[in-house]
């Protein structure tokens, strides 16, 4: 039972509930959808934003400079010439299955970031980008690299020897640690990942097999990040990848919007006022979904509508945005335990940087139970033969959870000609036995034995 006399930032829980009626079902761990009353027309907010299209284009250009190196270091990227990108596909069978519950206007599609090479999740975007950004900066400072040189020279003992004097660290629930650990170790950095208690063992094992130091903590993501930041601050040769505050990480994610725009053009998909785009992004601390949503708003403005998806037990971004307090409140402040099978989303306190930046851009947030994530996982596997890790299925609940938004914004008719895009954030690296367990649980929730 929630003690209504408990105080958070000077107000009792009863006072918080009176100010924000949605807080009661949130504390009761029920699925909710919060529509952002602070959403503003894009033109009113773009001018005052600290990041811009130019920043995104610079990030994309840097990734392309590194493509020759990526192609050599990771042969699985050779077919794409070293460009780290994922497919975009329609999922009509899954759409038909979901429509047994509620009609879904437009076409349901999947952005397959679970298939991203190197680390198999959306974190391959921001995490790998920040490692490459750091490597480029050091290489230029050390005189290893001249402007215009072919970046395949990064794959050499000379570069690895210099990078071995530097270290990279990060706090992670799993997937961000994988992307940074794998890329950092490949370049030759001494790499440390500070992992929370909810991180999967197979992710820790994979990192250690790549020569990455893994430090484990009995507490959650917030402590892992705090300890990682503290340890890195004592080493002048250590770069800490700050998932809560890094603009570099954020821009690595944002560059995905430029790639998606190209994919839409290749598939002759139009995004405009008559063909709106709705995007559903699983959200942990906020960097990945925030970066992608920000990038899409830069390109499509008011014609794209982005939603963050969180577990009912870990809805830190929803709480931060709804109350306007961002990182100043945590789920634990309101008696929510932050325990979820969606380990990548198990974050009790969201990024204040992302929350404040996205407050005028985000259309809303919604929550999903673990049971529904597992159920959707099994349904996607059955209907499309696509298997994702549970956290990635938070996005799949979006077209149903946010259906009232279409009514409120008078978008129901336009949505019929639009795209409903679910961002699949991870899954391809999950061991077969683990994935089978996920599927078994999902099948049980569907009433199968």
Protein backbone atom coordinates (compact mmCIF):
# COMPACT_ATOMS: atom_id res chain seq x y z
CA UNK A 1 0.00 0.00 0.00
CA UNK A 2 1.21 3.50 -0.81
CA UNK A 3 1.67 5.76 2.20
CA UNK A 4 -0.04 8.96 1.06
CA UNK A 5 1.78 10.97 3.73
CA UNK A 6 5.23 10.21 2.30
CA UNK A 7 6.92 13.30 0.89
CA UNK A 8 8.64 13.72 -2.47
CA UNK A 9 10.26 17.10 -3.18
CA UNK A 10 8.27 18.62 -0.33
CA UNK A 11 4.84 17.29 -1.37
CA UNK A 12 2.94 14.34 0.04
CA UNK A 13 1.95 11.47 -2.24
CA UNK A 14 -1.66 12.56 -1.74
CA UNK A 15 -0.76 16.03 -3.06
CA UNK A 16 1.07 14.53 -6.03
CA UNK A 17 -1.96 12.38 -6.83
CA UNK A 18 -4.27 15.38 -6.65
CA UNK A 19 -2.03 17.30 -9.06
CA UNK A 20 -1.51 14.32 -11.40
CA UNK A 21 -4.47 11.88 -11.31
CA UNK A 22 -2.65 9.46 -13.61
CA UNK A 23 -0.20 8.83 -10.78
CA UNK A 24 -2.66 6.56 -8.97
CA UNK A 25 -2.87 3.89 -11.73
CA UNK A 26 0.87 4.30 -12.33
CA UNK A 27 1.55 3.43 -8.68
CA UNK A 28 -0.87 0.52 -8.99
CA UNK A 29 1.32 -0.76 -11.86
CA UNK A 30 -1.49 -0.54 -14.39
CA UNK A 31 -0.83 0.22 -18.04
CA UNK A 32 -1.40 3.90 -18.81
CA UNK A 33 -0.93 6.31 -21.68
CA UNK A 34 0.09 9.91 -20.94
CA UNK A 35 -0.37 12.42 -23.74
CA UNK A 36 1.97 15.40 -23.48
CA UNK A 37 0.07 18.66 -22.80
CA UNK A 38 3.34 20.54 -23.37
CA UNK A 39 3.75 19.33 -26.99
CA UNK A 40 4.41 22.41 -29.13
CA UNK A 41 4.46 23.03 -32.88
CA UNK A 42 7.94 22.20 -34.13
CA UNK A 43 8.53 25.71 -35.52
CA UNK A 44 8.12 27.21 -32.04
CA UNK A 45 10.81 25.08 -30.46
CA UNK A 46 13.45 24.35 -33.11
CA UNK A 47 15.13 27.77 -33.00
CA UNK A 48 15.92 27.57 -29.29
CA UNK A 49 17.15 23.97 -29.33
CA UNK A 50 20.87 23.49 -28.49
CA UNK A 51 21.24 20.76 -31.16
CA UNK A 52 20.44 20.96 -34.84
CA UNK A 53 20.32 19.18 -38.18
CA UNK A 54 23.93 20.25 -38.73
CA UNK A 55 25.01 18.32 -35.62
CA UNK A 56 23.21 15.21 -36.90
CA UNK A 57 24.82 15.51 -40.32
CA UNK A 58 28.27 15.81 -38.74
CA UNK A 59 27.62 12.65 -36.73
CA UNK A 60 26.53 10.81 -39.87
CA UNK A 61 29.61 12.04 -41.74
CA UNK A 62 31.89 10.79 -38.95
CA UNK A 63 30.28 7.34 -39.07
CA UNK A 64 30.86 7.27 -42.82
CA UNK A 65 34.52 8.24 -42.37
CA UNK A 66 34.93 5.25 -40.08
CA UNK A 67 33.15 2.86 -42.48
CA UNK A 68 36.40 1.59 -44.09
CA UNK A 69 37.72 0.67 -40.64
CA UNK A 70 34.43 -0.92 -39.56
CA UNK A 71 34.41 -3.04 -42.72
CA UNK A 72 37.82 -4.49 -41.86
CA UNK A 73 37.37 -4.83 -38.10
CA UNK A 74 33.91 -6.37 -38.36
CA UNK A 75 33.62 -8.46 -41.57
CA UNK A 76 29.88 -8.91 -41.00
CA UNK A 77 29.49 -5.28 -42.13
CA UNK A 78 31.26 -5.83 -45.47
CA UNK A 79 28.05 -6.21 -47.48
CA UNK A 80 27.00 -2.72 -46.30
CA UNK A 81 30.52 -1.30 -46.89
CA UNK A 82 31.05 -0.76 -43.17
CA UNK A 83 27.83 1.18 -42.61
CA UNK A 84 26.08 0.05 -39.43
CA UNK A 85 22.40 -0.01 -40.36
CA UNK A 86 19.28 -2.16 -39.98
CA UNK A 87 16.44 -3.09 -42.33
CA UNK A 88 12.99 -1.53 -42.41
CA UNK A 89 10.16 -3.97 -43.05
CA UNK A 90 6.38 -4.24 -43.01
CA UNK A 91 4.82 -6.72 -40.56
CA UNK A 92 1.32 -7.30 -41.97
CA UNK A 93 0.73 -10.63 -40.21
CA UNK A 94 1.46 -9.04 -36.83
CA UNK A 95 -0.77 -6.12 -37.70
CA UNK A 96 -3.62 -8.51 -38.50
CA UNK A 97 -3.07 -10.25 -35.17
CA UNK A 98 -3.10 -7.00 -33.19
CA UNK A 99 -6.20 -5.80 -35.00
CA UNK A 100 -8.19 -8.56 -33.33
CA UNK A 101 -8.05 -6.22 -30.30
CA UNK A 102 -8.37 -2.81 -32.00
CA UNK A 103 -8.07 -1.45 -35.57
CA UNK A 104 -4.65 -0.05 -36.46
CA UNK A 105 -4.86 2.66 -39.13
CA UNK A 106 -2.15 2.78 -41.76
CA UNK A 107 0.68 0.29 -42.23
CA UNK A 108 2.51 -1.34 -39.33
CA UNK A 109 6.28 -1.50 -39.87
CA UNK A 110 9.34 -2.57 -37.90
CA UNK A 111 12.69 -0.79 -37.73
CA UNK A 112 14.91 -3.79 -37.18
CA UNK A 113 17.62 -2.45 -34.87
CA UNK A 114 17.74 -5.91 -33.28
CA UNK A 115 19.66 -6.82 -36.47
CA UNK A 116 22.28 -4.07 -36.19
CA UNK A 117 25.73 -5.62 -36.59
CA UNK A 118 28.40 -5.71 -33.89
CA UNK A 119 26.14 -5.57 -30.82
CA UNK A 120 22.62 -6.41 -32.04
CA UNK A 121 20.70 -3.49 -30.54
CA UNK A 122 19.90 0.20 -30.96
CA UNK A 123 22.86 0.88 -28.64
CA UNK A 124 25.14 0.09 -31.57
CA UNK A 125 24.21 3.55 -32.82
CA UNK A 126 24.99 5.86 -29.91
CA UNK A 127 27.48 3.67 -28.06
CA UNK A 128 29.65 2.85 -31.03
CA UNK A 129 29.46 6.42 -32.27
CA UNK A 130 30.79 7.85 -29.00
CA UNK A 131 33.69 5.37 -28.96
CA UNK A 132 34.58 6.31 -32.55
CA UNK A 133 34.25 10.02 -31.74
CA UNK A 134 36.66 9.56 -28.81
CA UNK A 135 39.11 7.51 -30.90
CA UNK A 136 39.15 10.14 -33.66
CA UNK A 137 39.80 12.93 -31.17
CA UNK A 138 42.71 11.05 -29.57
CA UNK A 139 44.16 10.06 -32.96
CA UNK A 140 44.18 13.67 -34.13
CA UNK A 141 45.69 14.90 -30.86
CA UNK A 142 48.41 12.23 -30.93
CA UNK A 143 49.31 12.97 -34.55
CA UNK A 144 48.23 9.54 -35.77
CA UNK A 145 45.68 10.88 -38.22
CA UNK A 146 45.68 13.60 -40.85
CA UNK A 147 42.61 15.20 -42.37
CA UNK A 148 41.39 13.27 -45.42
CA UNK A 149 43.19 10.01 -44.59
CA UNK A 150 41.53 6.64 -45.12
CA UNK A 151 40.26 5.55 -41.70
CA UNK A 152 41.14 1.92 -42.36
CA UNK A 153 44.49 2.86 -40.75
CA UNK A 154 42.73 2.61 -37.38
CA UNK A 155 43.05 -1.16 -37.82
CA UNK A 156 46.77 -1.24 -37.00
CA UNK A 157 49.07 -2.08 -34.11
CA UNK A 158 50.28 1.53 -34.07
CA UNK A 159 46.80 2.81 -33.24
CA UNK A 160 46.03 0.00 -30.79
CA UNK A 161 49.29 0.65 -28.95
CA UNK A 162 48.42 4.33 -28.45
CA UNK A 163 44.80 3.57 -27.47
CA UNK A 164 46.01 1.02 -24.90
CA UNK A 165 47.18 3.97 -22.78
CA UNK A 166 43.59 5.25 -22.63
CA UNK A 167 40.48 3.73 -21.17
CA UNK A 168 36.74 3.93 -21.75
CA UNK A 169 34.09 3.23 -19.13
CA UNK A 170 30.30 3.12 -19.01
CA UNK A 171 27.47 2.20 -16.65
CA UNK A 172 24.90 -0.07 -18.25
CA UNK A 173 22.04 -2.53 -17.83
CA UNK A 174 23.47 -4.49 -20.74
CA UNK A 175 23.14 -3.42 -24.39
CA UNK A 176 24.96 -0.09 -24.15
CA UNK A 177 27.76 -1.87 -22.33
CA UNK A 178 27.92 -4.44 -25.13
CA UNK A 179 28.27 -1.87 -27.90
CA UNK A 180 30.86 0.22 -26.08
CA UNK A 181 32.74 -2.78 -24.74
CA UNK A 182 33.02 -4.56 -28.08
CA UNK A 183 34.05 -1.46 -30.04
CA UNK A 184 36.35 -0.11 -27.34
CA UNK A 185 38.20 -3.39 -26.96
CA UNK A 186 38.49 -3.82 -30.74
CA UNK A 187 40.19 -0.44 -31.07
CA UNK A 188 42.57 -1.28 -28.22
CA UNK A 189 41.17 0.78 -25.36
CA UNK A 190 41.17 -0.55 -21.81
CA UNK A 191 37.43 -0.87 -21.40
CA UNK A 192 35.31 -1.22 -18.25
CA UNK A 193 31.55 -1.74 -18.06
CA UNK A 194 29.84 -1.12 -14.72
CA UNK A 195 26.74 -3.34 -14.79
CA UNK A 196 23.62 -3.30 -12.64
CA UNK A 197 22.11 -6.35 -10.96
CA UNK A 198 19.44 -6.77 -13.63
CA UNK A 199 21.96 -7.18 -16.48
CA UNK A 200 21.82 -10.60 -18.13
CA UNK A 201 24.65 -13.04 -17.41
CA UNK A 202 25.20 -13.81 -21.10
CA UNK A 203 25.93 -10.14 -21.75
CA UNK A 204 28.52 -10.10 -18.97
CA UNK A 205 30.06 -13.30 -20.32
CA UNK A 206 30.24 -11.93 -23.87
CA UNK A 207 31.97 -8.76 -22.71
CA UNK A 208 34.54 -10.68 -20.70
CA UNK A 209 35.23 -12.90 -23.70
CA UNK A 210 36.16 -9.73 -25.64
CA UNK A 211 38.65 -8.65 -22.98
CA UNK A 212 36.36 -6.13 -21.30
CA UNK A 213 36.44 -5.68 -17.53
CA UNK A 214 32.95 -6.07 -16.06
CA UNK A 215 32.21 -4.70 -12.60
CA UNK A 216 28.94 -5.89 -11.08
CA UNK A 217 26.72 -4.12 -8.57
CA UNK A 218 23.91 -5.49 -6.43
CA UNK A 219 21.84 -2.35 -7.00
CA UNK A 220 20.19 -0.92 -10.12
CA UNK A 221 21.31 1.11 -13.13
CA UNK A 222 21.56 4.42 -11.27
CA UNK A 223 24.22 3.11 -8.87
CA UNK A 224 26.18 1.42 -11.68
CA UNK A 225 26.36 4.74 -13.54
CA UNK A 226 27.30 6.67 -10.40
CA UNK A 227 30.10 4.23 -9.52
CA UNK A 228 31.37 4.21 -13.10
CA UNK A 229 31.41 8.00 -13.24
CA UNK A 230 33.23 8.17 -9.90
CA UNK A 231 35.91 5.68 -10.92
CA UNK A 232 36.48 7.38 -14.28
CA UNK A 233 36.84 10.84 -12.71
CA UNK A 234 39.94 9.66 -10.89
CA UNK A 235 41.71 8.72 -14.16
CA UNK A 236 42.68 11.59 -16.52
CA UNK A 237 43.12 9.07 -19.35
CA UNK A 238 39.63 7.60 -18.96
CA UNK A 239 36.64 8.70 -21.00
CA UNK A 240 33.31 7.97 -19.30
CA UNK A 241 30.36 7.47 -21.64
CA UNK A 242 27.62 9.23 -19.72
CA UNK A 243 24.33 7.69 -20.84
CA UNK A 244 22.40 10.27 -18.81
CA UNK A 245 24.01 13.45 -20.15
CA UNK A 246 26.12 12.81 -23.26
CA UNK A 247 25.26 14.92 -26.32
CA UNK A 248 27.72 12.83 -28.35
CA UNK A 249 25.85 9.63 -27.54
CA UNK A 250 22.56 11.38 -28.27
CA UNK A 251 23.71 12.50 -31.71
CA UNK A 252 24.82 8.98 -32.59
CA UNK A 253 21.22 7.90 -32.09
CA UNK A 254 19.83 10.98 -33.84
CA UNK A 255 21.77 10.15 -37.02
CA UNK A 256 19.44 7.15 -37.41
CA UNK A 257 16.76 9.56 -38.61
CA UNK A 258 18.81 10.44 -41.68
CA UNK A 259 19.20 6.74 -42.50
CA UNK A 260 15.47 6.11 -42.01
CA UNK A 261 14.62 8.99 -44.32
CA UNK A 262 16.69 7.34 -47.05
CA UNK A 263 14.98 3.99 -46.45
CA UNK A 264 11.56 5.61 -46.73
CA UNK A 265 12.59 7.21 -50.02
CA UNK A 266 13.91 3.89 -51.35
CA UNK A 267 10.59 2.22 -50.47
CA UNK A 268 8.63 5.17 -51.90
CA UNK A 269 7.06 5.98 -48.52
CA UNK A 270 5.91 9.56 -48.09
CA UNK A 271 5.83 11.35 -44.74
CA UNK A 272 3.87 14.60 -44.74
CA UNK A 273 0.69 16.07 -43.28
CA UNK A 274 -1.47 13.68 -45.29
CA UNK A 275 0.80 10.71 -44.53
CA UNK A 276 1.82 11.02 -40.86
CA UNK A 277 4.42 8.89 -39.14
CA UNK A 278 3.86 7.43 -35.65
CA UNK A 279 6.93 6.01 -33.90
CA UNK A 280 7.01 3.86 -30.75
CA UNK A 281 10.36 3.71 -28.94
CA UNK A 282 11.22 1.56 -25.89
CA UNK A 283 12.73 3.87 -23.28
CA UNK A 284 15.17 3.30 -20.43
CA UNK A 285 17.25 6.30 -19.35
CA UNK A 286 16.16 8.05 -22.55
CA UNK A 287 19.25 8.61 -24.71
CA UNK A 288 18.43 6.15 -27.49
CA UNK A 289 14.74 6.88 -27.97
CA UNK A 290 15.30 10.58 -27.29
CA UNK A 291 18.00 10.82 -29.93
CA UNK A 292 15.95 8.99 -32.55
CA UNK A 293 12.82 11.04 -31.79
CA UNK A 294 14.79 14.28 -31.87
CA UNK A 295 16.31 13.37 -35.23
CA UNK A 296 12.94 12.49 -36.71
CA UNK A 297 11.44 15.78 -35.50
CA UNK A 298 14.32 17.63 -37.17
CA UNK A 299 13.44 16.00 -40.49
CA UNK A 300 9.65 15.64 -40.37
CA UNK A 301 8.58 18.29 -37.85
CA UNK A 302 4.90 18.09 -36.94
CA UNK A 303 4.31 15.19 -39.34
CA UNK A 304 6.00 12.71 -37.01
CA UNK A 305 4.53 11.72 -33.65
CA UNK A 306 6.90 9.97 -31.24
CA UNK A 307 6.03 7.99 -28.11
CA UNK A 308 8.25 6.51 -25.39
CA UNK A 309 7.36 3.03 -24.10
CA UNK A 310 8.31 1.89 -20.58
CA UNK A 311 7.62 -1.07 -18.27
CA UNK A 312 4.95 -0.46 -15.63
CA UNK A 313 7.63 -1.09 -12.98
CA UNK A 314 10.19 1.33 -14.48
CA UNK A 315 8.33 4.33 -15.90
CA UNK A 316 10.93 6.94 -14.94
CA UNK A 317 10.71 9.04 -18.11
CA UNK A 318 6.91 9.19 -17.92
CA UNK A 319 7.07 10.36 -14.29
CA UNK A 320 9.78 12.91 -15.05
CA UNK A 321 7.95 14.39 -18.04
CA UNK A 322 4.47 14.29 -16.49
CA UNK A 323 5.57 16.11 -13.34
CA UNK A 324 8.09 18.34 -15.08
CA UNK A 325 10.69 17.25 -12.52
CA UNK A 326 12.68 15.03 -14.91
CA UNK A 327 15.65 13.42 -13.11
CA UNK A 328 14.68 15.01 -9.78
CA UNK A 329 12.16 12.22 -9.22
CA UNK A 330 12.60 8.45 -9.43
CA UNK A 331 10.13 5.57 -9.59
CA UNK A 332 11.26 4.53 -6.11
CA UNK A 333 10.13 7.92 -4.77
CA UNK A 334 6.59 6.83 -5.58
CA UNK A 335 6.89 3.29 -4.23
CA UNK A 336 7.54 1.61 -7.60
CA UNK A 337 10.19 -1.11 -7.40
CA UNK A 338 12.00 -0.80 -10.80
CA UNK A 339 11.99 -4.59 -11.23
CA UNK A 340 11.23 -5.79 -14.72
CA UNK A 341 12.20 -8.60 -17.09
CA UNK A 342 12.87 -5.86 -19.67
CA UNK A 343 16.39 -5.39 -18.33
CA UNK A 344 17.37 -2.73 -20.88
CA UNK A 345 14.54 -0.53 -19.62
CA UNK A 346 15.09 -1.08 -15.90
CA UNK A 347 15.92 2.54 -15.07
CA UNK A 348 14.58 4.21 -11.94
CA UNK A 349 15.65 7.76 -12.78
CA UNK A 350 15.55 9.12 -16.34
CA UNK A 351 18.01 11.49 -18.00
CA UNK A 352 17.34 15.11 -17.10
CA UNK A 353 19.13 16.21 -20.27
CA UNK A 354 16.85 14.12 -22.51
CA UNK A 355 13.70 14.91 -20.54
CA UNK A 356 14.18 18.67 -20.71
CA UNK A 357 15.25 18.61 -24.37
CA UNK A 358 12.35 16.41 -25.50
CA UNK A 359 9.60 17.96 -23.36
CA UNK A 360 8.18 20.08 -26.21
CA UNK A 361 8.78 17.40 -28.89
CA UNK A 362 7.44 14.13 -27.49
CA UNK A 363 3.79 13.24 -28.13
CA UNK A 364 3.44 11.01 -25.09
CA UNK A 365 4.56 8.04 -23.01
CA UNK A 366 2.85 4.76 -22.20
CA UNK A 367 3.56 1.76 -20.00
CA UNK A 368 3.46 -1.98 -20.66
CA UNK A 369 3.39 -4.92 -18.24
CA UNK A 370 6.06 -7.59 -18.46
CA UNK A 371 3.28 -10.08 -19.19
CA UNK A 372 2.22 -8.15 -22.29
CA UNK A 373 5.80 -7.79 -23.51
CA UNK A 374 6.26 -11.56 -23.32
CA UNK A 375 2.89 -12.14 -24.96
CA UNK A 376 3.76 -9.79 -27.84
CA UNK A 377 7.15 -11.46 -28.16
CA UNK A 378 5.50 -14.85 -28.78
CA UNK A 379 2.93 -13.35 -31.16
CA UNK A 380 5.60 -11.63 -33.26
CA UNK A 381 7.57 -14.86 -33.42
CA UNK A 382 4.52 -16.83 -34.51
CA UNK A 383 3.24 -14.33 -37.05
CA UNK A 384 6.45 -12.97 -38.61
CA UNK A 385 9.19 -15.37 -37.44
CA UNK A 386 10.96 -12.43 -35.79
CA UNK A 387 12.29 -12.85 -32.26
CA UNK A 388 13.13 -9.86 -30.09
CA UNK A 389 14.17 -9.57 -26.47
CA UNK A 390 11.25 -8.61 -24.17
CA UNK A 391 12.21 -4.95 -23.78
CA UNK A 392 12.00 -4.45 -27.55
CA UNK A 393 8.33 -5.46 -27.51
CA UNK A 394 7.40 -2.43 -25.42
CA UNK A 395 7.18 -0.55 -28.72
CA UNK A 396 4.78 -3.10 -30.22
CA UNK A 397 2.09 -2.12 -27.72
CA UNK A 398 2.13 1.47 -28.98
CA UNK A 399 -0.41 1.43 -31.83
CA UNK A 400 -3.04 0.10 -29.43
CA UNK A 401 -1.96 1.98 -26.28
CA UNK A 402 -1.90 5.39 -28.01
CA UNK A 403 -5.01 5.07 -30.16
CA UNK A 404 -6.78 7.91 -28.26
CA UNK A 405 -4.08 10.29 -29.48
CA UNK A 406 -5.42 10.04 -33.03
CA UNK A 407 -8.87 11.08 -31.87
CA UNK A 408 -7.61 14.00 -29.78
CA UNK A 409 -5.37 15.33 -32.54
CA UNK A 410 -7.92 14.71 -35.32
CA UNK A 411 -5.52 12.36 -37.08
CA UNK A 412 -7.68 9.27 -37.57
CA UNK A 413 -8.33 9.89 -41.27
CA UNK A 414 -4.74 10.93 -42.09
CA UNK A 415 -3.37 7.95 -40.15
CA UNK A 416 -5.08 5.60 -42.63
CA UNK A 417 -2.49 6.69 -45.19
CA UNK A 418 0.39 6.82 -42.69
CA UNK A 419 2.95 4.55 -41.07
CA UNK A 420 2.93 3.07 -37.57
CA UNK A 421 6.60 2.32 -36.87
CA UNK A 422 7.73 0.09 -34.01
CA UNK A 423 11.44 0.44 -33.17
CA UNK A 424 12.83 -3.04 -32.44
CA UNK A 425 15.67 -2.23 -30.09
CA UNK A 426 17.40 -5.58 -29.52
CA UNK A 427 17.39 -9.34 -29.70
CA UNK A 428 19.66 -10.90 -32.31
CA UNK A 429 22.54 -11.45 -29.87
CA UNK A 430 20.37 -13.25 -27.31
CA UNK A 431 21.50 -16.90 -26.91
CA UNK A 432 19.07 -19.44 -28.37
CA UNK A 433 18.35 -21.04 -24.99
CA UNK A 434 17.50 -17.65 -23.49
CA UNK A 435 15.26 -16.76 -26.42
CA UNK A 436 13.48 -20.10 -26.09
CA UNK A 437 12.77 -19.30 -22.44
CA UNK A 438 11.34 -15.91 -23.46
CA UNK A 439 9.13 -17.58 -26.04
CA UNK A 440 7.99 -20.22 -23.57
CA UNK A 441 6.94 -17.54 -21.08
CA UNK A 442 5.12 -15.62 -23.79
CA UNK A 443 3.28 -18.74 -24.88
CA UNK A 444 2.21 -19.42 -21.31
CA UNK A 445 0.80 -15.90 -21.02
CA UNK A 446 -1.14 -16.58 -24.22
CA UNK A 447 -2.71 -19.58 -22.50
CA UNK A 448 -0.62 -22.27 -24.18
CA UNK A 449 1.18 -25.11 -22.44
